[in-house]
Amino acid sequence: MTPCRALIESLIDYAGLFPPSALPMAKAVELYSRYKSSPEEWILGRFVVPVARLDEFEAYAPANAGWRLSVLAGANLEADLERIARFRRMNIDVIEIKASDAAQIESAARRLPNGLTPYFEVSDVALIETIGRAGARAKIRTGGITPEAFPEAGHIARFIGACARSGTPFKATAGLHHPLRCYRALTYSSGGPSGWMYGFLNVFIAAVLARMGLAEADTIPLLLEESIEAFSFGDGSITWRGHAATTNDIAAARSGFAISFGSCSFEEPVNDLRALHLL
């Protein structure tokens, strides 16, 4: 396995139902099915769907497809868990829950059934310690459809650093359509807003290096790196400005720490990776 493959294997959870794509269920399912049959299938992770739309997903998904699903909980977790239990034939193994305080995290974690891995989306980095103690995983929102939805690089660096120190696995969501930090249109609408977007290579290389001890002060410039020339993708390692991670370092981080990111597009990240000659 090359270090680049170790970094991006199963990296992208497909969230075509969500903005800015916001596709109808039939189209999102059709595209995911196509991606599952493509040469780049190995980059593809779970299909992301709200719990409230599981019946709609069932109506369009191929029978016995065996797709792994990550479901987004709504405001009523108890009702959502009852609904998930009714869809036993589906391979639902991840649930994503928004949380605003420690009590909410602890209460939700106690109620989840075995085999359902929780990711708690938090904006307060101090809650990551609670997430880790609960044996759960963290989730960070790295963007959106307006410039204001993108957090400061320092916030992402603190989030990654806190996860690394506590050994708490995490995923990211929103705004990571491209490999490197760039200024792009934030939606697919003509005349829509543009802004600076973080790159998924930046975020996940930062996570690998943070797990190895990279300081938060050094993580920030990595997150803001715009040039592929600053990175070296060798046969046995990935290097950024003197900081190196071997294939084994990367594989270890990806398997149990920096898990995935949700994206409403699969083709954009793949096409960009190909343009950078990383595929």
C-alpha atoms as a PDB file:
ATOM      1  CA  MET A   1       0.000   0.000   0.000  1.00  0.00           C
ATOM      2  CA  THR A   2       1.283   3.452  -0.906  1.00  0.00           C
ATOM      3  CA  PRO A   3       1.087   6.241   1.689  1.00  0.00           C
ATOM      4  CA  CYS A   4      -1.371   8.153  -0.471  1.00  0.00           C
ATOM      5  CA  ARG A   5      -3.671   5.144  -0.727  1.00  0.00           C
ATOM      6  CA  ALA A   6      -3.452   4.641   3.039  1.00  0.00           C
ATOM      7  CA  LEU A   7      -4.484   8.276   3.495  1.00  0.00           C
ATOM      8  CA  ILE A   8      -7.552   8.291   1.240  1.00  0.00           C
ATOM      9  CA  GLU A   9      -8.881   4.724   1.360  1.00  0.00           C
ATOM     10  CA  SER A  10     -12.568   4.730   2.451  1.00  0.00           C
ATOM     11  CA  LEU A  11     -12.144   8.417   3.255  1.00  0.00           C
ATOM     12  CA  ILE A  12     -15.268   9.960   1.706  1.00  0.00           C
ATOM     13  CA  ASP A  13     -18.701   9.342   3.202  1.00  0.00           C
ATOM     14  CA  TYR A  14     -21.175  10.237   0.475  1.00  0.00           C
ATOM     15  CA  ALA A  15     -23.637  12.923   1.602  1.00  0.00           C
ATOM     16  CA  GLY A  16     -25.320  13.803  -1.689  1.00  0.00           C
ATOM     17  CA  LEU A  17     -28.623  14.450   0.082  1.00  0.00           C
ATOM     18  CA  PHE A  18     -27.155  17.476   1.835  1.00  0.00           C
ATOM     19  CA  PRO A  19     -26.282  21.009   0.648  1.00  0.00           C
ATOM     20  CA  PRO A  20     -24.924  22.288  -1.569  1.00  0.00           C
ATOM     21  CA  SER A  21     -25.874  19.304  -3.766  1.00  0.00           C
ATOM     22  CA  ALA A  22     -29.138  18.544  -1.912  1.00  0.00           C
ATOM     23  CA  LEU A  23     -30.012  15.815  -4.397  1.00  0.00           C
ATOM     24  CA  PRO A  24     -33.309  13.943  -4.442  1.00  0.00           C
ATOM     25  CA  MET A  25     -33.052  10.514  -2.811  1.00  0.00           C
ATOM     26  CA  ALA A  26     -33.397   8.661  -6.109  1.00  0.00           C
ATOM     27  CA  LYS A  27     -30.496  10.569  -7.669  1.00  0.00           C
ATOM     28  CA  ALA A  28     -28.234  10.274  -4.612  1.00  0.00           C
ATOM     29  CA  VAL A  29     -28.812   6.515  -4.458  1.00  0.00           C
ATOM     30  CA  GLU A  30     -28.218   6.196  -8.199  1.00  0.00           C
ATOM     31  CA  LEU A  31     -24.894   8.050  -7.963  1.00  0.00           C
ATOM     32  CA  TYR A  32     -23.707   6.109  -4.912  1.00  0.00           C
ATOM     33  CA  SER A  33     -24.480   2.862  -6.722  1.00  0.00           C
ATOM     34  CA  ARG A  34     -22.457   4.103  -9.683  1.00  0.00           C
ATOM     35  CA  TYR A  35     -19.537   5.093  -7.461  1.00  0.00           C
ATOM     36  CA  LYS A  36     -19.622   1.669  -5.776  1.00  0.00           C
ATOM     37  CA  SER A  37     -18.986   0.133  -9.208  1.00  0.00           C
ATOM     38  CA  SER A  38     -16.275   2.604 -10.257  1.00  0.00           C
ATOM     39  CA  PRO A  39     -12.478   2.093 -10.203  1.00  0.00           C
ATOM     40  CA  GLU A  40     -12.366   4.620  -7.326  1.00  0.00           C
ATOM     41  CA  GLU A  41     -14.757   2.616  -5.132  1.00  0.00           C
ATOM     42  CA  TRP A  42     -11.955   2.042  -2.639  1.00  0.00           C
ATOM     43  CA  ILE A  43     -12.055   5.756  -1.706  1.00  0.00           C
ATOM     44  CA  LEU A  44     -15.773   5.612  -0.925  1.00  0.00           C
ATOM     45  CA  GLY A  45     -17.127   5.247   2.611  1.00  0.00           C
ATOM     46  CA  ARG A  46     -20.672   5.136   3.940  1.00  0.00           C
ATOM     47  CA  PHE A  47     -23.888   6.577   2.526  1.00  0.00           C
ATOM     48  CA  VAL A  48     -25.116   9.348   4.843  1.00  0.00           C
ATOM     49  CA  VAL A  49     -28.878   9.652   5.377  1.00  0.00           C
ATOM     50  CA  PRO A  50     -31.106  11.288   8.008  1.00  0.00           C
ATOM     51  CA  VAL A  51     -32.947   8.810  10.208  1.00  0.00           C
ATOM     52  CA  ALA A  52     -36.182  10.551   9.192  1.00  0.00           C
ATOM     53  CA  ARG A  53     -35.598   9.524   5.559  1.00  0.00           C
ATOM     54  CA  LEU A  54     -34.803   5.826   6.045  1.00  0.00           C
ATOM     55  CA  ASP A  55     -38.116   4.712   4.568  1.00  0.00           C
ATOM     56  CA  GLU A  56     -37.458   6.853   1.493  1.00  0.00           C
ATOM     57  CA  PHE A  57     -33.955   5.385   1.228  1.00  0.00           C
ATOM     58  CA  GLU A  58     -35.392   1.867   1.469  1.00  0.00           C
ATOM     59  CA  ALA A  59     -37.729   2.606  -1.443  1.00  0.00           C
ATOM     60  CA  TYR A  60     -34.843   3.494  -3.775  1.00  0.00           C
ATOM     61  CA  ALA A  61     -31.842   1.481  -2.556  1.00  0.00           C
ATOM     62  CA  PRO A  62     -31.014  -1.734  -4.415  1.00  0.00           C
ATOM     63  CA  ALA A  63     -32.232  -4.818  -2.571  1.00  0.00           C
ATOM     64  CA  ASN A  64     -29.499  -6.622  -0.633  1.00  0.00           C
ATOM     65  CA  ALA A  65     -26.925  -4.001  -1.618  1.00  0.00           C
ATOM     66  CA  GLY A  66     -25.292  -4.287   1.802  1.00  0.00           C
ATOM     67  CA  TRP A  67     -24.330  -0.619   1.826  1.00  0.00           C
ATOM     68  CA  ARG A  68     -22.988   0.704   5.128  1.00  0.00           C
ATOM     69  CA  LEU A  69     -25.049   3.623   6.363  1.00  0.00           C
ATOM     70  CA  SER A  70     -24.285   6.546   8.649  1.00  0.00           C
ATOM     71  CA  VAL A  71     -27.543   8.038   9.904  1.00  0.00           C
ATOM     72  CA  LEU A  72     -28.087  11.576  11.192  1.00  0.00           C
ATOM     73  CA  ALA A  73     -30.188  11.830  14.311  1.00  0.00           C
ATOM     74  CA  GLY A  74     -32.813  14.509  14.760  1.00  0.00           C
ATOM     75  CA  ALA A  75     -34.064  16.256  17.879  1.00  0.00           C
ATOM     76  CA  ASN A  76     -35.749  13.163  19.364  1.00  0.00           C
ATOM     77  CA  LEU A  77     -33.050  10.521  19.827  1.00  0.00           C
ATOM     78  CA  GLU A  78     -35.374   8.001  21.487  1.00  0.00           C
ATOM     79  CA  ALA A  79     -37.756   8.078  18.528  1.00  0.00           C
ATOM     80  CA  ASP A  80     -34.823   7.841  16.111  1.00  0.00           C
ATOM     81  CA  LEU A  81     -33.442   4.752  17.863  1.00  0.00           C
ATOM     82  CA  GLU A  82     -36.868   3.094  17.664  1.00  0.00           C
ATOM     83  CA  ARG A  83     -37.000   3.938  13.974  1.00  0.00           C
ATOM     84  CA  ILE A  84     -33.486   2.531  13.356  1.00  0.00           C
ATOM     85  CA  ALA A  85     -34.520  -0.714  15.057  1.00  0.00           C
ATOM     86  CA  ARG A  86     -37.342  -1.114  12.526  1.00  0.00           C
ATOM     87  CA  PHE A  87     -34.848  -1.099   9.649  1.00  0.00           C
ATOM     88  CA  ARG A  88     -32.896  -4.172  10.756  1.00  0.00           C
ATOM     89  CA  ARG A  89     -32.153  -5.320   7.215  1.00  0.00           C
ATOM     90  CA  MET A  90     -30.077  -2.181   6.635  1.00  0.00           C
ATOM     91  CA  ASN A  91     -26.410  -2.077   7.600  1.00  0.00           C
ATOM     92  CA  ILE A  92     -26.674   0.946   9.924  1.00  0.00           C
ATOM     93  CA  ASP A  93     -23.516   1.011  12.019  1.00  0.00           C
ATOM     94  CA  VAL A  94     -22.911   4.754  12.598  1.00  0.00           C
ATOM     95  CA  ILE A  95     -25.096   7.500  14.046  1.00  0.00           C
ATOM     96  CA  GLU A  96     -24.217  11.213  14.025  1.00  0.00           C
ATOM     97  CA  ILE A  97     -25.652  13.343  16.831  1.00  0.00           C
ATOM     98  CA  LYS A  98     -25.391  17.071  17.515  1.00  0.00           C
ATOM     99  CA  ALA A  99     -24.538  17.820  21.129  1.00  0.00           C
ATOM    100  CA  SER A 100     -24.123  21.036  23.086  1.00  0.00           C
ATOM    101  CA  ASP A 101     -23.144  19.856  26.578  1.00  0.00           C
ATOM    102  CA  ALA A 102     -21.580  16.971  28.495  1.00  0.00           C
ATOM    103  CA  ALA A 103     -24.861  15.737  29.999  1.00  0.00           C
ATOM    104  CA  GLN A 104     -26.386  15.344  26.532  1.00  0.00           C
ATOM    105  CA  ILE A 105     -23.390  13.326  25.332  1.00  0.00           C
ATOM    106  CA  GLU A 106     -23.348  11.058  28.388  1.00  0.00           C
ATOM    107  CA  SER A 107     -27.100  10.451  28.267  1.00  0.00           C
ATOM    108  CA  ALA A 108     -27.129   9.666  24.549  1.00  0.00           C
ATOM    109  CA  ALA A 109     -24.106   7.355  24.773  1.00  0.00           C
ATOM    110  CA  ARG A 110     -25.831   5.286  27.491  1.00  0.00           C
ATOM    111  CA  ARG A 111     -28.943   4.779  25.362  1.00  0.00           C
ATOM    112  CA  LEU A 112     -27.262   3.593  22.172  1.00  0.00           C
ATOM    113  CA  PRO A 113     -27.436  -0.115  21.304  1.00  0.00           C
ATOM    114  CA  ASN A 114     -24.332  -2.223  20.766  1.00  0.00           C
ATOM    115  CA  GLY A 115     -23.013  -2.079  17.214  1.00  0.00           C
ATOM    116  CA  LEU A 116     -24.041   1.531  16.622  1.00  0.00           C
ATOM    117  CA  THR A 117     -20.983   3.816  16.711  1.00  0.00           C
ATOM    118  CA  PRO A 118     -21.817   7.406  17.719  1.00  0.00           C
ATOM    119  CA  TYR A 119     -20.183  10.580  16.441  1.00  0.00           C
ATOM    120  CA  PHE A 120     -21.048  13.669  18.475  1.00  0.00           C
ATOM    121  CA  GLU A 121     -20.885  16.914  16.512  1.00  0.00           C
ATOM    122  CA  VAL A 122     -19.677  19.617  18.871  1.00  0.00           C
ATOM    123  CA  SER A 123     -18.486  23.200  18.519  1.00  0.00           C
ATOM    124  CA  ASP A 124     -16.967  23.316  22.025  1.00  0.00           C
ATOM    125  CA  VAL A 125     -13.568  21.588  21.927  1.00  0.00           C
ATOM    126  CA  ALA A 126     -13.734  21.093  25.709  1.00  0.00           C
ATOM    127  CA  LEU A 127     -16.444  18.463  25.135  1.00  0.00           C
ATOM    128  CA  ILE A 128     -14.040  16.133  23.331  1.00  0.00           C
ATOM    129  CA  GLU A 129     -12.787  14.809  26.668  1.00  0.00           C
ATOM    130  CA  THR A 130     -16.361  13.833  27.573  1.00  0.00           C
ATOM    131  CA  ILE A 131     -16.826  12.171  24.192  1.00  0.00           C
ATOM    132  CA  GLY A 132     -13.656  10.158  24.684  1.00  0.00           C
ATOM    133  CA  ARG A 133     -14.643   9.048  28.188  1.00  0.00           C
ATOM    134  CA  ALA A 134     -17.992   7.871  26.814  1.00  0.00           C
ATOM    135  CA  GLY A 135     -16.179   5.645  24.302  1.00  0.00           C
ATOM    136  CA  ALA A 136     -17.676   7.678  21.452  1.00  0.00           C
ATOM    137  CA  ARG A 137     -16.258   9.646  18.550  1.00  0.00           C
ATOM    138  CA  ALA A 138     -16.187  13.358  17.725  1.00  0.00           C
ATOM    139  CA  LYS A 139     -17.342  15.233  14.647  1.00  0.00           C
ATOM    140  CA  ILE A 140     -16.278  18.648  13.413  1.00  0.00           C
ATOM    141  CA  ARG A 141     -18.061  20.870  10.910  1.00  0.00           C
ATOM    142  CA  THR A 142     -15.353  22.285   8.637  1.00  0.00           C
ATOM    143  CA  GLY A 143     -17.468  24.466   6.368  1.00  0.00           C
ATOM    144  CA  GLY A 144     -20.810  25.126   4.765  1.00  0.00           C
ATOM    145  CA  ILE A 145     -22.482  27.118   2.017  1.00  0.00           C
ATOM    146  CA  THR A 146     -21.500  30.580   3.308  1.00  0.00           C
ATOM    147  CA  PRO A 147     -18.055  31.971   4.206  1.00  0.00           C
ATOM    148  CA  GLU A 148     -19.186  32.394   7.813  1.00  0.00           C
ATOM    149  CA  ALA A 149     -19.771  28.632   8.111  1.00  0.00           C
ATOM    150  CA  PHE A 150     -16.035  27.923   7.886  1.00  0.00           C
ATOM    151  CA  PRO A 151     -14.278  27.930  11.272  1.00  0.00           C
ATOM    152  CA  GLU A 152     -10.905  29.525  11.870  1.00  0.00           C
ATOM    153  CA  ALA A 153      -7.919  27.261  11.277  1.00  0.00           C
ATOM    154  CA  GLY A 154      -7.054  27.609  14.942  1.00  0.00           C
ATOM    155  CA  HIS A 155     -10.362  25.997  15.924  1.00  0.00           C
ATOM    156  CA  ILE A 156      -9.736  23.000  13.666  1.00  0.00           C
ATOM    157  CA  ALA A 157      -6.191  22.699  15.015  1.00  0.00           C
ATOM    158  CA  ARG A 158      -7.486  22.744  18.602  1.00  0.00           C
ATOM    159  CA  PHE A 159     -10.131  20.152  17.752  1.00  0.00           C
ATOM    160  CA  ILE A 160      -7.611  17.803  16.129  1.00  0.00           C
ATOM    161  CA  GLY A 161      -5.131  18.371  18.962  1.00  0.00           C
ATOM    162  CA  ALA A 162      -7.729  17.601  21.631  1.00  0.00           C
ATOM    163  CA  CYS A 163      -8.774  14.435  19.813  1.00  0.00           C
ATOM    164  CA  ALA A 164      -5.134  13.363  19.496  1.00  0.00           C
ATOM    165  CA  ARG A 165      -4.367  13.970  23.185  1.00  0.00           C
ATOM    166  CA  SER A 166      -7.447  12.085  24.378  1.00  0.00           C
ATOM    167  CA  GLY A 167      -7.263   9.334  21.754  1.00  0.00           C
ATOM    168  CA  THR A 168     -10.749  10.229  20.505  1.00  0.00           C
ATOM    169  CA  PRO A 169     -11.471   9.242  16.885  1.00  0.00           C
ATOM    170  CA  PHE A 170     -13.195  11.838  14.724  1.00  0.00           C
ATOM    171  CA  LYS A 171     -14.770  12.595  11.394  1.00  0.00           C
ATOM    172  CA  ALA A 172     -15.282  15.888   9.575  1.00  0.00           C
ATOM    173  CA  THR A 173     -18.121  17.216   7.495  1.00  0.00           C
ATOM    174  CA  ALA A 174     -18.883  20.039   5.069  1.00  0.00           C
ATOM    175  CA  GLY A 175     -16.606  22.176   2.948  1.00  0.00           C
ATOM    176  CA  LEU A 176     -13.953  19.586   2.110  1.00  0.00           C
ATOM    177  CA  HIS A 177     -14.672  19.063  -1.569  1.00  0.00           C
ATOM    178  CA  HIS A 178     -11.095  19.722  -2.666  1.00  0.00           C
ATOM    179  CA  PRO A 179      -7.728  18.221  -1.685  1.00  0.00           C
ATOM    180  CA  LEU A 180      -6.028  21.513  -0.794  1.00  0.00           C
ATOM    181  CA  ARG A 181      -6.981  24.831   0.746  1.00  0.00           C
ATOM    182  CA  CYS A 182      -8.468  26.986  -2.016  1.00  0.00           C
ATOM    183  CA  TYR A 183     -10.799  29.863  -2.835  1.00  0.00           C
ATOM    184  CA  ARG A 184     -13.843  28.491  -4.622  1.00  0.00           C
ATOM    185  CA  ALA A 185     -17.572  28.858  -5.131  1.00  0.00           C
ATOM    186  CA  LEU A 186     -19.323  27.452  -2.064  1.00  0.00           C
ATOM    187  CA  THR A 187     -22.479  26.330  -3.868  1.00  0.00           C
ATOM    188  CA  TYR A 188     -23.402  25.109  -7.325  1.00  0.00           C
ATOM    189  CA  SER A 189     -25.762  28.035  -7.925  1.00  0.00           C
ATOM    190  CA  SER A 190     -24.871  30.746 -10.403  1.00  0.00           C
ATOM    191  CA  GLY A 191     -23.981  33.897  -8.512  1.00  0.00           C
ATOM    192  CA  GLY A 192     -23.636  32.069  -5.202  1.00  0.00           C
ATOM    193  CA  PRO A 193     -21.042  32.996  -2.580  1.00  0.00           C
ATOM    194  CA  SER A 194     -17.343  32.132  -2.829  1.00  0.00           C
ATOM    195  CA  GLY A 195     -14.852  31.714  -0.034  1.00  0.00           C
ATOM    196  CA  TRP A 196     -11.830  29.918   1.339  1.00  0.00           C
ATOM    197  CA  MET A 197     -12.326  26.180   1.736  1.00  0.00           C
ATOM    198  CA  TYR A 198     -10.125  23.769   3.682  1.00  0.00           C
ATOM    199  CA  GLY A 199      -8.576  20.833   1.853  1.00  0.00           C
ATOM    200  CA  PHE A 200      -9.187  17.260   2.924  1.00  0.00           C
ATOM    201  CA  LEU A 201      -5.518  16.410   2.393  1.00  0.00           C
ATOM    202  CA  ASN A 202      -4.584  19.284   4.710  1.00  0.00           C
ATOM    203  CA  VAL A 203      -7.008  18.149   7.409  1.00  0.00           C
ATOM    204  CA  PHE A 204      -6.142  14.458   7.347  1.00  0.00           C
ATOM    205  CA  ILE A 205      -2.381  14.885   7.007  1.00  0.00           C
ATOM    206  CA  ALA A 206      -2.651  17.312   9.932  1.00  0.00           C
ATOM    207  CA  ALA A 207      -4.507  14.645  11.895  1.00  0.00           C
ATOM    208  CA  VAL A 208      -1.902  11.989  11.147  1.00  0.00           C
ATOM    209  CA  LEU A 209       0.926  14.299  12.217  1.00  0.00           C
ATOM    210  CA  ALA A 210      -0.966  15.545  15.292  1.00  0.00           C
ATOM    211  CA  ARG A 211      -1.361  11.951  16.427  1.00  0.00           C
ATOM    212  CA  MET A 212       2.419  11.708  16.117  1.00  0.00           C
ATOM    213  CA  GLY A 213       2.913  14.829  18.221  1.00  0.00           C
ATOM    214  CA  LEU A 214       2.709  17.791  15.822  1.00  0.00           C
ATOM    215  CA  ALA A 215       2.043  20.925  17.873  1.00  0.00           C
ATOM    216  CA  GLU A 216      -1.153  22.907  17.323  1.00  0.00           C
ATOM    217  CA  ALA A 217       0.948  25.946  16.371  1.00  0.00           C
ATOM    218  CA  ASP A 218       2.373  23.928  13.475  1.00  0.00           C
ATOM    219  CA  THR A 219      -0.995  22.407  12.573  1.00  0.00           C
ATOM    220  CA  ILE A 220      -2.437  25.820  11.657  1.00  0.00           C
ATOM    221  CA  PRO A 221      -0.044  26.556   8.752  1.00  0.00           C
ATOM    222  CA  LEU A 222      -0.555  22.999   7.508  1.00  0.00           C
ATOM    223  CA  LEU A 223      -4.322  23.566   7.411  1.00  0.00           C
ATOM    224  CA  LEU A 224      -3.741  26.800   5.477  1.00  0.00           C
ATOM    225  CA  GLU A 225      -1.289  25.258   2.991  1.00  0.00           C
ATOM    226  CA  GLU A 226      -2.389  25.898  -0.604  1.00  0.00           C
ATOM    227  CA  SER A 227       0.476  24.412  -2.639  1.00  0.00           C
ATOM    228  CA  ILE A 228       0.877  20.741  -3.493  1.00  0.00           C
ATOM    229  CA  GLU A 229       4.596  21.498  -3.839  1.00  0.00           C
ATOM    230  CA  ALA A 230       4.783  21.788  -0.047  1.00  0.00           C
ATOM    231  CA  PHE A 231       3.997  18.071   0.204  1.00  0.00           C
ATOM    232  CA  SER A 232       6.066  15.083  -0.875  1.00  0.00           C
ATOM    233  CA  PHE A 233       4.268  11.826  -1.619  1.00  0.00           C
ATOM    234  CA  GLY A 234       7.026   9.234  -1.641  1.00  0.00           C
ATOM    235  CA  ASP A 235       7.018   5.446  -1.841  1.00  0.00           C
ATOM    236  CA  GLY A 236       6.995   5.043   1.927  1.00  0.00           C
ATOM    237  CA  SER A 237       5.947   8.357   3.447  1.00  0.00           C
ATOM    238  CA  ILE A 238       4.168  11.684   3.086  1.00  0.00           C
ATOM    239  CA  THR A 239       6.184  14.744   4.081  1.00  0.00           C
ATOM    240  CA  TRP A 240       5.111  18.320   4.746  1.00  0.00           C
ATOM    241  CA  ARG A 241       7.851  20.892   5.375  1.00  0.00           C
ATOM    242  CA  GLY A 242      10.106  18.457   7.186  1.00  0.00           C
ATOM    243  CA  HIS A 243       7.360  16.594   9.070  1.00  0.00           C
ATOM    244  CA  ALA A 244       7.060  13.008   7.801  1.00  0.00           C
ATOM    245  CA  ALA A 245       4.558  10.189   8.296  1.00  0.00           C
ATOM    246  CA  THR A 246       5.232   6.669   7.053  1.00  0.00           C
ATOM    247  CA  THR A 247       2.642   4.459   5.414  1.00  0.00           C
ATOM    248  CA  ASN A 248       2.267   2.587   8.710  1.00  0.00           C
ATOM    249  CA  ASP A 249       1.777   5.865  10.612  1.00  0.00           C
ATOM    250  CA  ILE A 250      -0.918   6.905   8.156  1.00  0.00           C
ATOM    251  CA  ALA A 251      -2.707   3.551   8.140  1.00  0.00           C
ATOM    252  CA  ALA A 252      -2.744   3.470  11.951  1.00  0.00           C
ATOM    253  CA  ALA A 253      -4.166   6.981  12.163  1.00  0.00           C
ATOM    254  CA  ARG A 254      -6.835   6.322   9.565  1.00  0.00           C
ATOM    255  CA  SER A 255      -7.972   3.018  11.062  1.00  0.00           C
ATOM    256  CA  GLY A 256      -8.597   4.296  14.563  1.00  0.00           C
ATOM    257  CA  PHE A 257      -8.323   8.078  14.696  1.00  0.00           C
ATOM    258  CA  ALA A 258      -8.943  10.198  11.574  1.00  0.00           C
ATOM    259  CA  ILE A 259     -11.825   8.194  10.175  1.00  0.00           C
ATOM    260  CA  SER A 260     -13.576   9.985   7.291  1.00  0.00           C
ATOM    261  CA  PHE A 261     -15.277  13.126   6.049  1.00  0.00           C
ATOM    262  CA  GLY A 262     -18.740  13.680   4.660  1.00  0.00           C
ATOM    263  CA  SER A 263     -19.036  15.256   1.225  1.00  0.00           C
ATOM    264  CA  CYS A 264     -22.050  15.930  -0.977  1.00  0.00           C
ATOM    265  CA  SER A 265     -19.762  15.313  -3.959  1.00  0.00           C
ATOM    266  CA  PHE A 266     -17.625  12.267  -4.666  1.00  0.00           C
ATOM    267  CA  GLU A 267     -16.610  13.258  -8.185  1.00  0.00           C
ATOM    268  CA  GLU A 268     -15.045  16.620  -7.243  1.00  0.00           C
ATOM    269  CA  PRO A 269     -12.543  15.158  -4.764  1.00  0.00           C
ATOM    270  CA  VAL A 270     -11.685  12.279  -7.089  1.00  0.00           C
ATOM    271  CA  ASN A 271     -11.246  14.506 -10.138  1.00  0.00           C
ATOM    272  CA  ASP A 272      -9.033  16.904  -8.164  1.00  0.00           C
ATOM    273  CA  LEU A 273      -6.870  14.036  -6.896  1.00  0.00           C
ATOM    274  CA  ARG A 274      -6.468  12.856 -10.464  1.00  0.00           C
ATOM    275  CA  ALA A 275      -5.504  16.355 -11.600  1.00  0.00           C
ATOM    276  CA  LEU A 276      -2.790  16.373  -8.916  1.00  0.00           C
ATOM    277  CA  HIS A 277      -1.554  12.995 -10.202  1.00  0.00           C
ATOM    278  CA  LEU A 278      -2.333  11.361  -6.873  1.00  0.00           C
ATOM    279  CA  LEU A 279      -4.584   8.784  -8.546  1.00  0.00           C
END
